[in-house]
C-alpha cells in the first residue's frame, strides 16, 4: 500500500474512532442530595457501571440467547484470587395499564453471590410523560432518577430497563429518599 493510500485510510480510521467514542455518554449517577456518585457509561444498546475505573456491571439491550431479553455480566475478584462471575438475564414480565414495564431478572453465578444480589428479582420502570424522569419500583423500595434534557435523556429512553436494573440491583450509591440525578462527568 502506498503512502498516498495510507494517509486517507488512517484519517478514516481516526474519524470512526472519534465518532464511536462520542456515542458513549460518561455519566455520574448521584443521590439528589449528595456529591458522591457511581460512574455509568451509556451507549445506545449498553450500560456499564464502574467502580474505581473498572467495570463491575455491563448490561446489553439484547441477550444473545433470547432477543426479547436483555443480558448482563458482573465480575469481581474472588476470595482466593479467582474471579467470581455473575450472569444476568433481564426479561420483560409485562406492561401494566399504568405505563409501568415489569422486568424479571435471573442471576447465575460461577462462585459466591456478589453484593447480596438475589438469584432472582423483579422490578418495574416507567418514564415521566415528558421524559425528564425515570421511575423504578422494586420490592420494598422505589427510586426516581432525574434525566437532564438532551442526549442523556434520549439515551436512557431507548432502554430504560437497563438503568432501572442498575438501581434495582442496588449498584447506585445510597439515596435515603430514593431520588437520583444523572450528570455528565
Foldseek 3Di string as FASTA:
>chain_A
DDPVVVVVVVVVVVVVVVVQVVQKFWKFKFAPPDDDTWTWIFHLFKIFTDDPPDTQKIKGNADPVGRQWIKMKGWDQDPPRRIKIKIKIKHWPDADPVQKTKIKIAIDIPDDDPPPQDRIFMKIWHADPVLQWIWIDTPPDIAIEGADPDPRSVSCVSPVVNVNVCVRRVVIPDHPVRYIYMDGD
